Amino acid sequence: KLPPASWQTSFGLGFISAVFDNIPLTALALT
């Protein structure tokens, strides 16, 4: 259900990591 991996997605994840912990975000991206 995640958006396709792209630089836009990565850029947005940077802002999300300011509010939601970056550990689980990284785990999702790795999966």
PDB file of all heavy atoms in Angstrom:
ATOM      1  N   LYS A   1       0.808  -1.215   0.000  1.00  0.00           N
ATOM      2  CA  LYS A   1       0.000   0.000   0.000  1.00  0.00           C
ATOM      3  C   LYS A   1       0.845   1.270   0.000  1.00  0.00           C
ATOM      4  O   LYS A   1       0.319   2.366  -0.051  1.00  0.00           O
ATOM      5  CB  LYS A   1      -0.921   0.034   1.227  1.00  0.00           C
ATOM      6  CG  LYS A   1      -1.891  -1.141   1.338  1.00  0.00           C
ATOM      7  CD  LYS A   1      -2.881  -1.147   0.188  1.00  0.00           C
ATOM      8  CE  LYS A   1      -2.552  -2.265  -0.781  1.00  0.00           C
ATOM      9  NZ  LYS A   1      -3.227  -2.131  -2.067  1.00  0.00           N
ATOM     10  N   LEU A   2       2.186   1.126   0.130  1.00  0.00           N
ATOM     11  CA  LEU A   2       3.035   2.310   0.147  1.00  0.00           C
ATOM     12  C   LEU A   2       3.136   2.923  -1.248  1.00  0.00           C
ATOM     13  O   LEU A   2       3.009   2.226  -2.258  1.00  0.00           O
ATOM     14  CB  LEU A   2       4.444   1.954   0.625  1.00  0.00           C
ATOM     15  CG  LEU A   2       4.590   1.560   2.093  1.00  0.00           C
ATOM     16  CD1 LEU A   2       6.031   1.158   2.374  1.00  0.00           C
ATOM     17  CD2 LEU A   2       4.172   2.685   3.012  1.00  0.00           C
ATOM     18  N   PRO A   3       3.378   4.242  -1.326  1.00  0.00           N
ATOM     19  CA  PRO A   3       3.627   4.842  -2.634  1.00  0.00           C
ATOM     20  C   PRO A   3       4.870   4.223  -3.256  1.00  0.00           C
ATOM     21  O   PRO A   3       5.750   3.739  -2.548  1.00  0.00           O
ATOM     22  CB  PRO A   3       3.871   6.324  -2.302  1.00  0.00           C
ATOM     23  CG  PRO A   3       3.248   6.526  -0.965  1.00  0.00           C
ATOM     24  CD  PRO A   3       3.417   5.234  -0.243  1.00  0.00           C
ATOM     25  N   PRO A   4       4.987   4.224  -4.584  1.00  0.00           N
ATOM     26  CA  PRO A   4       6.182   3.685  -5.221  1.00  0.00           C
ATOM     27  C   PRO A   4       7.430   4.426  -4.758  1.00  0.00           C
ATOM     28  O   PRO A   4       7.396   5.614  -4.466  1.00  0.00           O
ATOM     29  CB  PRO A   4       5.928   3.923  -6.716  1.00  0.00           C
ATOM     30  CG  PRO A   4       4.440   4.052  -6.831  1.00  0.00           C
ATOM     31  CD  PRO A   4       3.986   4.696  -5.558  1.00  0.00           C
ATOM     32  N   ALA A   5       8.554   3.709  -4.686  1.00  0.00           N
ATOM     33  CA  ALA A   5       9.815   4.326  -4.284  1.00  0.00           C
ATOM     34  C   ALA A   5      10.243   5.346  -5.331  1.00  0.00           C
ATOM     35  O   ALA A   5      10.378   5.028  -6.507  1.00  0.00           O
ATOM     36  CB  ALA A   5      10.894   3.251  -4.125  1.00  0.00           C
ATOM     37  N   SER A   6      10.439   6.597  -4.911  1.00  0.00           N
ATOM     38  CA  SER A   6      10.852   7.660  -5.814  1.00  0.00           C
ATOM     39  C   SER A   6      11.525   8.741  -4.993  1.00  0.00           C
ATOM     40  O   SER A   6      11.475   8.736  -3.755  1.00  0.00           O
ATOM     41  CB  SER A   6       9.635   8.259  -6.543  1.00  0.00           C
ATOM     42  OG  SER A   6       8.783   8.928  -5.617  1.00  0.00           O
ATOM     43  N   TRP A   7      12.147   9.709  -5.666  1.00  0.00           N
ATOM     44  CA  TRP A   7      12.785  10.787  -4.909  1.00  0.00           C
ATOM     45  C   TRP A   7      11.730  11.656  -4.246  1.00  0.00           C
ATOM     46  O   TRP A   7      11.959  12.216  -3.172  1.00  0.00           O
ATOM     47  CB  TRP A   7      13.718  11.609  -5.796  1.00  0.00           C
ATOM     48  CG  TRP A   7      13.060  12.484  -6.848  1.00  0.00           C
ATOM     49  CD1 TRP A   7      12.906  12.211  -8.162  1.00  0.00           C
ATOM     50  CD2 TRP A   7      12.500  13.793  -6.644  1.00  0.00           C
ATOM     51  NE1 TRP A   7      12.273  13.251  -8.809  1.00  0.00           N
ATOM     52  CE2 TRP A   7      12.018  14.246  -7.902  1.00  0.00           C
ATOM     53  CE3 TRP A   7      12.362  14.627  -5.540  1.00  0.00           C
ATOM     54  CZ2 TRP A   7      11.406  15.498  -8.067  1.00  0.00           C
ATOM     55  CZ3 TRP A   7      11.751  15.867  -5.700  1.00  0.00           C
ATOM     56  CH2 TRP A   7      11.287  16.287  -6.953  1.00  0.00           C
ATOM     57  N   GLN A   8      10.545  11.773  -4.884  1.00  0.00           N
ATOM     58  CA  GLN A   8       9.472  12.542  -4.253  1.00  0.00           C
ATOM     59  C   GLN A   8       9.025  11.887  -2.943  1.00  0.00           C
ATOM     60  O   GLN A   8       8.790  12.559  -1.937  1.00  0.00           O
ATOM     61  CB  GLN A   8       8.272  12.659  -5.203  1.00  0.00           C
ATOM     62  CG  GLN A   8       8.549  13.470  -6.458  1.00  0.00           C
ATOM     63  CD  GLN A   8       8.927  12.607  -7.638  1.00  0.00           C
ATOM     64  OE1 GLN A   8       9.505  11.527  -7.471  1.00  0.00           O
ATOM     65  NE2 GLN A   8       8.602  13.074  -8.841  1.00  0.00           N
ATOM     66  N   THR A   9       8.893  10.553  -2.976  1.00  0.00           N
ATOM     67  CA  THR A   9       8.517   9.832  -1.765  1.00  0.00           C
ATOM     68  C   THR A   9       9.574  10.018  -0.676  1.00  0.00           C
ATOM     69  O   THR A   9       9.257  10.268   0.487  1.00  0.00           O
ATOM     70  CB  THR A   9       8.339   8.334  -2.067  1.00  0.00           C
ATOM     71  OG1 THR A   9       7.353   8.169  -3.083  1.00  0.00           O
ATOM     72  CG2 THR A   9       7.921   7.571  -0.825  1.00  0.00           C
ATOM     73  N   SER A  10      10.858   9.897  -1.066  1.00  0.00           N
ATOM     74  CA  SER A  10      11.949  10.069  -0.099  1.00  0.00           C
ATOM     75  C   SER A  10      11.936  11.468   0.502  1.00  0.00           C
ATOM     76  O   SER A  10      12.107  11.637   1.721  1.00  0.00           O
ATOM     77  CB  SER A  10      13.295   9.813  -0.789  1.00  0.00           C
ATOM     78  OG  SER A  10      13.363   8.495  -1.292  1.00  0.00           O
ATOM     79  N   PHE A  11      11.713  12.476  -0.331  1.00  0.00           N
ATOM     80  CA  PHE A  11      11.660  13.859   0.148  1.00  0.00           C
ATOM     81  C   PHE A  11      10.535  14.033   1.160  1.00  0.00           C
ATOM     82  O   PHE A  11      10.712  14.645   2.213  1.00  0.00           O
ATOM     83  CB  PHE A  11      11.462  14.796  -1.050  1.00  0.00           C
ATOM     84  CG  PHE A  11      11.399  16.258  -0.687  1.00  0.00           C
ATOM     85  CD1 PHE A  11      12.502  16.898  -0.150  1.00  0.00           C
ATOM     86  CD2 PHE A  11      10.235  16.987  -0.894  1.00  0.00           C
ATOM     87  CE1 PHE A  11      12.456  18.254   0.177  1.00  0.00           C
ATOM     88  CE2 PHE A  11      10.169  18.337  -0.573  1.00  0.00           C
ATOM     89  CZ  PHE A  11      11.292  18.964  -0.034  1.00  0.00           C
ATOM     90  N   GLY A  12       9.374  13.481   0.858  1.00  0.00           N
ATOM     91  CA  GLY A  12       8.251  13.585   1.778  1.00  0.00           C
ATOM     92  C   GLY A  12       8.475  12.833   3.072  1.00  0.00           C
ATOM     93  O   GLY A  12       8.076  13.283   4.149  1.00  0.00           O
ATOM     94  N   LEU A  13       9.165  11.678   3.001  1.00  0.00           N
ATOM     95  CA  LEU A  13       9.441  10.910   4.209  1.00  0.00           C
ATOM     96  C   LEU A  13      10.328  11.683   5.178  1.00  0.00           C
ATOM     97  O   LEU A  13      10.272  11.468   6.390  1.00  0.00           O
ATOM     98  CB  LEU A  13      10.091   9.571   3.850  1.00  0.00           C
ATOM     99  CG  LEU A  13       9.176   8.516   3.227  1.00  0.00           C
ATOM    100  CD1 LEU A  13       9.966   7.270   2.847  1.00  0.00           C
ATOM    101  CD2 LEU A  13       8.044   8.146   4.172  1.00  0.00           C
ATOM    102  N   GLY A  14      11.140  12.593   4.644  1.00  0.00           N
ATOM    103  CA  GLY A  14      11.954  13.427   5.522  1.00  0.00           C
ATOM    104  C   GLY A  14      11.098  14.288   6.435  1.00  0.00           C
ATOM    105  O   GLY A  14      11.391  14.436   7.628  1.00  0.00           O
ATOM    106  N   PHE A  15      10.021  14.853   5.885  1.00  0.00           N
ATOM    107  CA  PHE A  15       9.113  15.667   6.710  1.00  0.00           C
ATOM    108  C   PHE A  15       8.303  14.795   7.665  1.00  0.00           C
ATOM    109  O   PHE A  15       8.049  15.181   8.807  1.00  0.00           O
ATOM    110  CB  PHE A  15       8.185  16.486   5.810  1.00  0.00           C
ATOM    111  CG  PHE A  15       8.875  17.617   5.105  1.00  0.00           C
ATOM    112  CD1 PHE A  15       9.310  17.480   3.794  1.00  0.00           C
ATOM    113  CD2 PHE A  15       9.121  18.813   5.756  1.00  0.00           C
ATOM    114  CE1 PHE A  15       9.951  18.520   3.144  1.00  0.00           C
ATOM    115  CE2 PHE A  15       9.758  19.864   5.114  1.00  0.00           C
ATOM    116  CZ  PHE A  15      10.179  19.717   3.807  1.00  0.00           C
ATOM    117  N   ILE A  16       7.907  13.608   7.192  1.00  0.00           N
ATOM    118  CA  ILE A  16       7.162  12.702   8.065  1.00  0.00           C
ATOM    119  C   ILE A  16       8.027  12.275   9.244  1.00  0.00           C
ATOM    120  O   ILE A  16       7.554  12.145  10.376  1.00  0.00           O
ATOM    121  CB  ILE A  16       6.667  11.475   7.279  1.00  0.00           C
ATOM    122  CG1 ILE A  16       5.581  11.888   6.292  1.00  0.00           C
ATOM    123  CG2 ILE A  16       6.123  10.409   8.223  1.00  0.00           C
ATOM    124  CD1 ILE A  16       5.040  10.749   5.453  1.00  0.00           C
ATOM    125  N   SER A  17       9.328  12.070   9.007  1.00  0.00           N
ATOM    126  CA  SER A  17      10.218  11.617  10.077  1.00  0.00           C
ATOM    127  C   SER A  17      10.395  12.672  11.162  1.00  0.00           C
ATOM    128  O   SER A  17      10.869  12.362  12.261  1.00  0.00           O
ATOM    129  CB  SER A  17      11.591  11.227   9.510  1.00  0.00           C
ATOM    130  OG  SER A  17      12.312  12.365   9.074  1.00  0.00           O
ATOM    131  N   ALA A  18      10.027  13.935  10.867  1.00  0.00           N
ATOM    132  CA  ALA A  18      10.078  14.971  11.892  1.00  0.00           C
ATOM    133  C   ALA A  18       8.956  14.817  12.911  1.00  0.00           C
ATOM    134  O   ALA A  18       9.042  15.349  14.021  1.00  0.00           O
ATOM    135  CB  ALA A  18      10.004  16.357  11.250  1.00  0.00           C
ATOM    136  N   VAL A  19       7.910  14.092  12.535  1.00  0.00           N
ATOM    137  CA  VAL A  19       6.757  13.902  13.414  1.00  0.00           C
ATOM    138  C   VAL A  19       6.659  12.455  13.869  1.00  0.00           C
ATOM    139  O   VAL A  19       6.389  12.170  15.035  1.00  0.00           O
ATOM    140  CB  VAL A  19       5.456  14.317  12.696  1.00  0.00           C
ATOM    141  CG1 VAL A  19       4.262  14.159  13.618  1.00  0.00           C
ATOM    142  CG2 VAL A  19       5.559  15.749  12.187  1.00  0.00           C
ATOM    143  N   PHE A  20       6.878  11.521  12.936  1.00  0.00           N
ATOM    144  CA  PHE A  20       6.848  10.093  13.248  1.00  0.00           C
ATOM    145  C   PHE A  20       8.281   9.582  13.258  1.00  0.00           C
ATOM    146  O   PHE A  20       9.078   9.914  12.381  1.00  0.00           O
ATOM    147  CB  PHE A  20       6.034   9.324  12.212  1.00  0.00           C
ATOM    148  CG  PHE A  20       4.568   9.662  12.235  1.00  0.00           C
ATOM    149  CD1 PHE A  20       3.810   9.532  11.097  1.00  0.00           C
ATOM    150  CD2 PHE A  20       3.961  10.114  13.387  1.00  0.00           C
ATOM    151  CE1 PHE A  20       2.453   9.826  11.104  1.00  0.00           C
ATOM    152  CE2 PHE A  20       2.609  10.416  13.417  1.00  0.00           C
ATOM    153  CZ  PHE A  20       1.853  10.275  12.271  1.00  0.00           C
ATOM    154  N   ASP A  21       8.596   8.746  14.216  1.00  0.00           N
ATOM    155  CA  ASP A  21       9.959   8.253  14.398  1.00  0.00           C
ATOM    156  C   ASP A  21      10.523   7.659  13.107  1.00  0.00           C
ATOM    157  O   ASP A  21       9.855   6.905  12.404  1.00  0.00           O
ATOM    158  CB  ASP A  21       9.970   7.202  15.512  1.00  0.00           C
ATOM    159  CG  ASP A  21      11.374   6.874  15.970  1.00  0.00           C
ATOM    160  OD1 ASP A  21      12.006   6.025  15.316  1.00  0.00           O
ATOM    161  OD2 ASP A  21      11.834   7.470  16.953  1.00  0.00           O
ATOM    162  N   ASN A  22      11.795   7.985  12.811  1.00  0.00           N
ATOM    163  CA  ASN A  22      12.382   7.533  11.554  1.00  0.00           C
ATOM    164  C   ASN A  22      12.750   6.053  11.545  1.00  0.00           C
ATOM    165  O   ASN A  22      12.987   5.474  10.492  1.00  0.00           O
ATOM    166  CB  ASN A  22      13.605   8.377  11.184  1.00  0.00           C
ATOM    167  CG  ASN A  22      14.683   8.385  12.250  1.00  0.00           C
ATOM    168  OD1 ASN A  22      14.595   7.677  13.259  1.00  0.00           O
ATOM    169  ND2 ASN A  22      15.708   9.176  12.045  1.00  0.00           N
ATOM    170  N   ILE A  23      12.796   5.420  12.730  1.00  0.00           N
ATOM    171  CA  ILE A  23      13.117   3.997  12.780  1.00  0.00           C
ATOM    172  C   ILE A  23      12.057   3.162  12.052  1.00  0.00           C
ATOM    173  O   ILE A  23      12.380   2.388  11.143  1.00  0.00           O
ATOM    174  CB  ILE A  23      13.266   3.520  14.239  1.00  0.00           C
ATOM    175  CG1 ILE A  23      14.358   4.313  14.968  1.00  0.00           C
ATOM    176  CG2 ILE A  23      13.543   2.032  14.292  1.00  0.00           C
ATOM    177  CD1 ILE A  23      15.740   4.078  14.450  1.00  0.00           C
ATOM    178  N   PRO A  24      10.774   3.280  12.412  1.00  0.00           N
ATOM    179  CA  PRO A  24       9.775   2.479  11.694  1.00  0.00           C
ATOM    180  C   PRO A  24       9.618   2.883  10.238  1.00  0.00           C
ATOM    181  O   PRO A  24       9.310   2.043   9.386  1.00  0.00           O
ATOM    182  CB  PRO A  24       8.487   2.722  12.478  1.00  0.00           C
ATOM    183  CG  PRO A  24       8.706   3.984  13.238  1.00  0.00           C
ATOM    184  CD  PRO A  24      10.168   4.004  13.556  1.00  0.00           C
ATOM    185  N   LEU A  25       9.843   4.165   9.908  1.00  0.00           N
ATOM    186  CA  LEU A  25       9.766   4.574   8.506  1.00  0.00           C
ATOM    187  C   LEU A  25      10.838   3.860   7.688  1.00  0.00           C
ATOM    188  O   LEU A  25      10.601   3.417   6.564  1.00  0.00           O
ATOM    189  CB  LEU A  25       9.946   6.096   8.396  1.00  0.00           C
ATOM    190  CG  LEU A  25       8.791   6.964   8.896  1.00  0.00           C
ATOM    191  CD1 LEU A  25       9.157   8.441   8.775  1.00  0.00           C
ATOM    192  CD2 LEU A  25       7.516   6.676   8.130  1.00  0.00           C
ATOM    193  N   THR A  26      12.038   3.752   8.263  1.00  0.00           N
ATOM    194  CA  THR A  26      13.121   3.043   7.579  1.00  0.00           C
ATOM    195  C   THR A  26      12.790   1.567   7.431  1.00  0.00           C
ATOM    196  O   THR A  26      13.055   0.962   6.386  1.00  0.00           O
ATOM    197  CB  THR A  26      14.435   3.211   8.359  1.00  0.00           C
ATOM    198  OG1 THR A  26      14.731   4.606   8.503  1.00  0.00           O
ATOM    199  CG2 THR A  26      15.587   2.530   7.637  1.00  0.00           C
ATOM    200  N   ALA A  27      12.202   0.990   8.476  1.00  0.00           N
ATOM    201  CA  ALA A  27      11.816  -0.420   8.406  1.00  0.00           C
ATOM    202  C   ALA A  27      10.810  -0.658   7.284  1.00  0.00           C
ATOM    203  O   ALA A  27      10.905  -1.649   6.544  1.00  0.00           O
ATOM    204  CB  ALA A  27      11.239  -0.870   9.749  1.00  0.00           C
ATOM    205  N   LEU A  28       9.847   0.248   7.127  1.00  0.00           N
ATOM    206  CA  LEU A  28       8.871   0.125   6.043  1.00  0.00           C
ATOM    207  C   LEU A  28       9.550   0.217   4.680  1.00  0.00           C
ATOM    208  O   LEU A  28       9.263  -0.566   3.763  1.00  0.00           O
ATOM    209  CB  LEU A  28       7.809   1.214   6.172  1.00  0.00           C
ATOM    210  CG  LEU A  28       6.773   1.062   7.282  1.00  0.00           C
ATOM    211  CD1 LEU A  28       5.896   2.305   7.353  1.00  0.00           C
ATOM    212  CD2 LEU A  28       5.917  -0.176   7.059  1.00  0.00           C
ATOM    213  N   ALA A  29      10.465   1.188   4.535  1.00  0.00           N
ATOM    214  CA  ALA A  29      11.143   1.377   3.255  1.00  0.00           C
ATOM    215  C   ALA A  29      12.007   0.171   2.904  1.00  0.00           C
ATOM    216  O   ALA A  29      12.084  -0.240   1.740  1.00  0.00           O
ATOM    217  CB  ALA A  29      11.993   2.648   3.304  1.00  0.00           C
ATOM    218  N   LEU A  30      12.661  -0.413   3.905  1.00  0.00           N
ATOM    219  CA  LEU A  30      13.497  -1.585   3.656  1.00  0.00           C
ATOM    220  C   LEU A  30      12.655  -2.777   3.219  1.00  0.00           C
ATOM    221  O   LEU A  30      13.060  -3.549   2.349  1.00  0.00           O
ATOM    222  CB  LEU A  30      14.291  -1.932   4.914  1.00  0.00           C
ATOM    223  CG  LEU A  30      15.479  -1.022   5.231  1.00  0.00           C
ATOM    224  CD1 LEU A  30      16.011  -1.294   6.627  1.00  0.00           C
ATOM    225  CD2 LEU A  30      16.586  -1.211   4.189  1.00  0.00           C
ATOM    226  N   THR A  31      11.502  -2.926   3.825  1.00  0.00           N
ATOM    227  CA  THR A  31      10.622  -4.026   3.449  1.00  0.00           C
ATOM    228  C   THR A  31      10.115  -3.844   2.024  1.00  0.00           C
ATOM    229  O   THR A  31      10.010  -4.794   1.250  1.00  0.00           O
ATOM    230  CB  THR A  31       9.430  -4.113   4.420  1.00  0.00           C
ATOM    231  OG1 THR A  31       9.933  -4.241   5.753  1.00  0.00           O
ATOM    232  CG2 THR A  31       8.560  -5.315   4.101  1.00  0.00           C
TER     233      THR A  31
END
